[in-house]
Protein backbone atom coordinates (compact mmCIF):
# COMPACT_ATOMS: atom_id res chain seq x y z
CA MET A 1 91.36 19.46 97.55
CA GLN A 2 92.87 21.12 100.61
CA ALA A 3 91.01 20.59 103.86
CA PRO A 4 89.56 23.75 105.44
CA GLU A 5 91.48 25.26 108.30
CA PRO A 6 90.03 24.41 111.75
CA ALA A 7 88.10 27.28 113.27
CA ASP A 8 90.22 27.37 116.43
CA ARG A 9 93.39 27.97 114.40
CA ALA A 10 92.07 30.67 112.11
CA VAL A 11 93.97 33.93 111.97
CA SER A 12 92.28 37.30 112.24
CA ARG A 13 88.82 35.88 111.59
CA ARG A 14 85.85 38.22 111.51
CA THR A 15 83.55 38.42 114.50
CA ARG A 16 79.79 38.62 114.21
CA SER A 17 80.09 42.41 113.92
CA GLY A 18 82.61 42.10 111.06
CA VAL A 19 85.61 43.36 113.08
CA HIS A 20 88.97 41.64 112.54
CA LEU A 21 90.63 40.37 115.72
CA PRO A 22 94.40 40.92 115.69
CA PHE A 23 95.57 37.62 117.21
CA HIS A 24 95.94 33.98 116.30
CA TYR A 25 93.40 31.44 117.43
CA ASP A 26 95.92 28.81 118.34
CA GLN A 27 94.56 27.54 121.63
CA VAL A 28 97.72 27.65 123.73
CA SER A 29 99.65 30.56 122.23
CA GLN A 30 96.59 32.81 122.38
CA LEU A 31 96.23 32.35 126.15
CA HIS A 32 99.96 32.90 126.71
CA SER A 33 99.82 36.09 124.63
CA LEU A 34 96.85 37.42 126.57
CA ALA A 35 98.53 36.54 129.88
CA GLU A 36 101.57 38.60 128.88
CA ARG A 37 99.36 41.55 128.01
CA ILE A 38 97.80 41.34 131.48
CA HIS A 39 101.25 41.33 133.12
CA ASN A 40 102.21 44.34 131.00
CA ALA A 41 99.10 46.21 132.16
CA ALA A 42 100.11 45.51 135.76
CA ASP A 43 103.64 46.80 135.12
CA GLU A 44 102.22 50.02 133.64
CA LEU A 45 100.33 50.93 136.81
CA PRO A 46 101.90 53.91 138.60
CA LEU A 47 104.32 53.04 141.39
CA THR A 48 102.95 54.03 144.78
CA ASP A 49 106.18 55.81 145.72
CA SER A 50 105.55 58.28 142.88
CA VAL A 51 101.86 58.83 143.65
CA HIS A 52 101.07 62.18 145.25
CA SER A 53 98.17 64.58 144.89
CA GLY A 54 97.63 66.25 141.55
CA VAL A 55 96.28 65.77 138.06
CA ASN A 56 99.29 63.68 136.95
CA ASN A 57 97.91 60.77 138.98
CA LEU A 58 94.61 61.02 137.13
CA ASP A 59 96.43 60.95 133.79
CA ASP A 60 98.33 57.80 134.79
CA LEU A 61 95.25 56.07 136.15
CA ASP A 62 93.31 57.05 133.05
CA ASP A 63 95.87 55.21 130.90
CA SER A 64 95.72 52.14 133.11
CA ALA A 65 91.93 52.13 133.17
CA ARG A 66 91.92 52.20 129.37
CA ASP A 67 94.37 49.29 129.25
CA ILE A 68 92.33 47.11 131.61
CA THR A 69 89.04 48.00 129.95
CA GLY A 70 90.56 47.09 126.60
CA LEU A 71 91.68 43.74 127.98
CA ILE A 72 88.22 43.01 129.35
CA THR A 73 86.69 43.73 125.95
CA HIS A 74 89.39 41.76 124.17
CA LEU A 75 89.05 38.64 126.32
CA THR A 76 85.25 38.76 126.22
CA THR A 77 85.34 38.95 122.42
CA ALA A 78 87.80 36.05 122.28
CA ALA A 79 85.59 33.96 124.58
CA ALA A 80 82.50 34.72 122.52
CA PHE A 81 84.26 33.78 119.29
CA ALA A 82 85.62 30.53 120.73
CA ALA A 83 82.23 29.58 122.15
CA ARG A 84 80.66 29.94 118.71
CA THR A 85 83.21 27.57 117.18
CA VAL A 86 82.60 24.71 119.62
CA ARG A 87 81.12 21.68 117.90
CA ARG A 88 78.48 19.56 119.57
CA GLY A 89 79.68 16.46 121.36
CA ARG A 90 82.49 15.63 123.76
CA ASP A 91 85.38 15.15 121.34
CA PRO A 92 88.80 16.35 122.60
CA GLU A 93 88.96 19.47 120.42
CA ALA A 94 85.53 20.66 121.55
CA GLU A 95 86.41 19.98 125.18
CA ILE A 96 89.64 21.99 124.90
CA THR A 97 87.76 24.94 123.41
CA ARG A 98 85.18 24.80 126.21
CA ARG A 99 87.97 24.87 128.78
CA LYS A 100 89.53 27.85 127.02
CA VAL A 101 86.23 29.73 127.11
CA THR A 102 85.98 29.00 130.83
CA GLN A 103 89.49 30.33 131.48
CA LEU A 104 88.89 33.47 129.44
CA THR A 105 85.62 34.29 131.20
CA HIS A 106 87.12 33.67 134.65
CA THR A 107 89.97 36.00 133.76
CA VAL A 108 87.50 38.68 132.67
CA GLY A 109 85.91 38.48 136.11
CA ALA A 110 89.28 38.95 137.79
CA LEU A 111 90.08 41.90 135.55
CA GLY A 112 86.75 43.44 136.53
CA HIS A 113 87.84 43.37 140.18
CA ALA A 114 91.14 45.01 139.24
CA LEU A 115 89.25 47.73 137.38
CA ALA A 116 87.05 48.26 140.43
CA ASP A 117 90.19 48.75 142.53
CA LEU A 118 91.38 51.29 140.02
CA GLY A 119 88.03 53.10 140.18
CA GLU A 120 88.40 53.44 143.95
CA ALA A 121 91.95 54.71 143.43
CA VAL A 122 90.60 57.43 141.14
CA ALA A 123 88.12 58.46 143.83
CA HIS A 124 90.93 58.71 146.38
CA VAL A 125 92.97 60.89 144.01
CA GLY A 126 89.95 63.19 143.75
CA VAL A 127 89.79 63.51 147.53
CA MET A 128 93.50 64.26 147.73
CA HIS A 129 93.17 66.84 144.98
CA GLN A 130 90.49 68.62 147.02
CA LEU A 131 92.45 68.37 150.25
CA ASP A 132 95.55 69.77 148.59
CA ALA A 133 93.69 73.00 147.86
CA SER A 134 92.34 73.41 151.40
CA PRO A 135 94.01 75.55 154.11
CA GLY A 136 96.92 73.93 155.90
CA SER A 137 96.20 72.29 159.25
CA THR A 138 97.02 69.19 161.25
CA GLN A 139 93.66 67.66 160.27
CA ARG A 140 94.37 68.36 156.60
CA SER A 141 97.79 66.68 156.76
CA GLU A 142 96.35 63.64 158.53
CA ALA A 143 93.52 63.39 156.00
CA ILE A 144 95.97 63.57 153.11
CA GLU A 145 98.18 60.84 154.56
CA SER A 146 95.19 58.62 155.31
CA THR A 147 93.78 59.05 151.81
CA ARG A 148 97.18 58.46 150.24
CA ALA A 149 97.46 55.16 152.14
CA LEU A 150 94.05 54.11 150.80
CA LEU A 151 95.12 55.13 147.30
CA HIS A 152 98.32 53.09 147.51
CA ALA A 153 96.38 50.08 148.78
CA ARG A 154 93.95 50.19 145.84
CA ILE A 155 96.74 50.51 143.27
CA ASP A 156 98.70 47.67 144.88
CA SER A 157 95.55 45.55 144.96
CA ALA A 158 94.89 46.15 141.27
CA ARG A 159 98.50 45.32 140.42
CA GLY A 160 98.36 42.12 142.47
CA ARG A 161 95.09 41.02 140.87
CA LEU A 162 96.49 41.60 137.39
CA HIS A 163 99.69 39.67 138.00
CA LYS A 164 97.76 36.81 139.61
CA SER A 165 95.35 36.71 136.67
CA GLY A 166 98.21 36.63 134.18
CA ALA A 167 99.97 33.83 136.07
CA ARG A 168 96.79 31.76 136.25
CA LEU A 169 96.17 32.21 132.53
CA HIS A 170 99.73 31.05 131.79
CA GLN A 171 99.13 27.95 133.92
CA ALA A 172 95.80 27.31 132.22
CA ALA A 173 97.46 27.52 128.81
CA ASP A 174 100.09 24.97 129.85
CA ARG A 175 97.37 22.57 131.01
CA LEU A 176 95.00 23.18 128.14
CA THR A 177 96.04 20.33 125.85
CA ALA A 178 97.03 17.80 128.52
CA PRO A 179 93.90 15.62 128.14
CA ARG A 180 94.29 15.56 124.35
CA ALA A 181 97.96 14.54 124.62
CA LEU A 182 97.04 11.81 127.10
CA SER A 183 94.26 10.45 124.93
CA ARG A 184 96.59 10.31 121.95
CA SER A 185 99.26 8.49 123.92
CA LEU A 186 96.70 5.85 124.91
CA SER A 187 95.31 5.46 121.41
CA PRO A 188 96.28 2.17 119.66
CA SER A 189 96.42 4.03 116.35
CA VAL A 190 99.47 6.00 117.41
CA THR A 191 101.35 3.13 119.04
CA ALA A 192 104.20 1.89 116.87
CA PRO A 193 104.46 -1.93 116.57
CA VAL A 194 107.37 -3.45 118.47
CA PRO A 195 109.16 -6.25 116.55
CA ARG A 196 109.58 -9.50 118.39
CA PRO A 197 113.27 -10.30 118.99
CA GLY A 198 114.73 -13.40 117.44
CA PRO A 199 115.99 -16.25 119.61
CA THR A 200 119.63 -15.20 119.24
CA THR A 201 119.09 -11.53 119.94
CA SER A 202 120.98 -10.22 123.00
CA ARG A 203 120.97 -6.74 124.60
CA PRO A 204 124.36 -5.00 124.26
CA ARG A 205 125.93 -3.94 127.52
């Protein structure tokens, strides 16, 4: 009889709400995949050189806000699923899953800060939109430039947070199975026996 598939390697398993999740639950590849999605969200943020006043900025920021919100939901769901699969005890597999849950939840927190930056950027676009419709004056021009600088700073901050979060998640994925690999290398059960050389055996040069 075929052994059941481990829970952490199941594909498209159902969550508690019955919704299929569209990614593999391989511990390492899942984190790398999510990290790439975070980097992609950062790359999709509008470039500050192209940001001016107007509704186009709100359309672009709306798309980015949806992307980041989707990532927050996605990672939270993944963390919740993984946490439910952890077995009691301190065996290596359970420990790896706990570490993965920790990395996912920390990343969600970082994405929340990026989304907050984006929320402030939206507010600055609203101010610029109002200023753009006001009568021309030196004060108006100065206010627009000042608000645009704040807008650029918030977008750049969100982009930086996203890229940093993606890089950290990549690093976490690379380190995820290190303790398990070490424990296996130290295990006598995986050490191949070394034959004792005979008395006439010599090392070739």
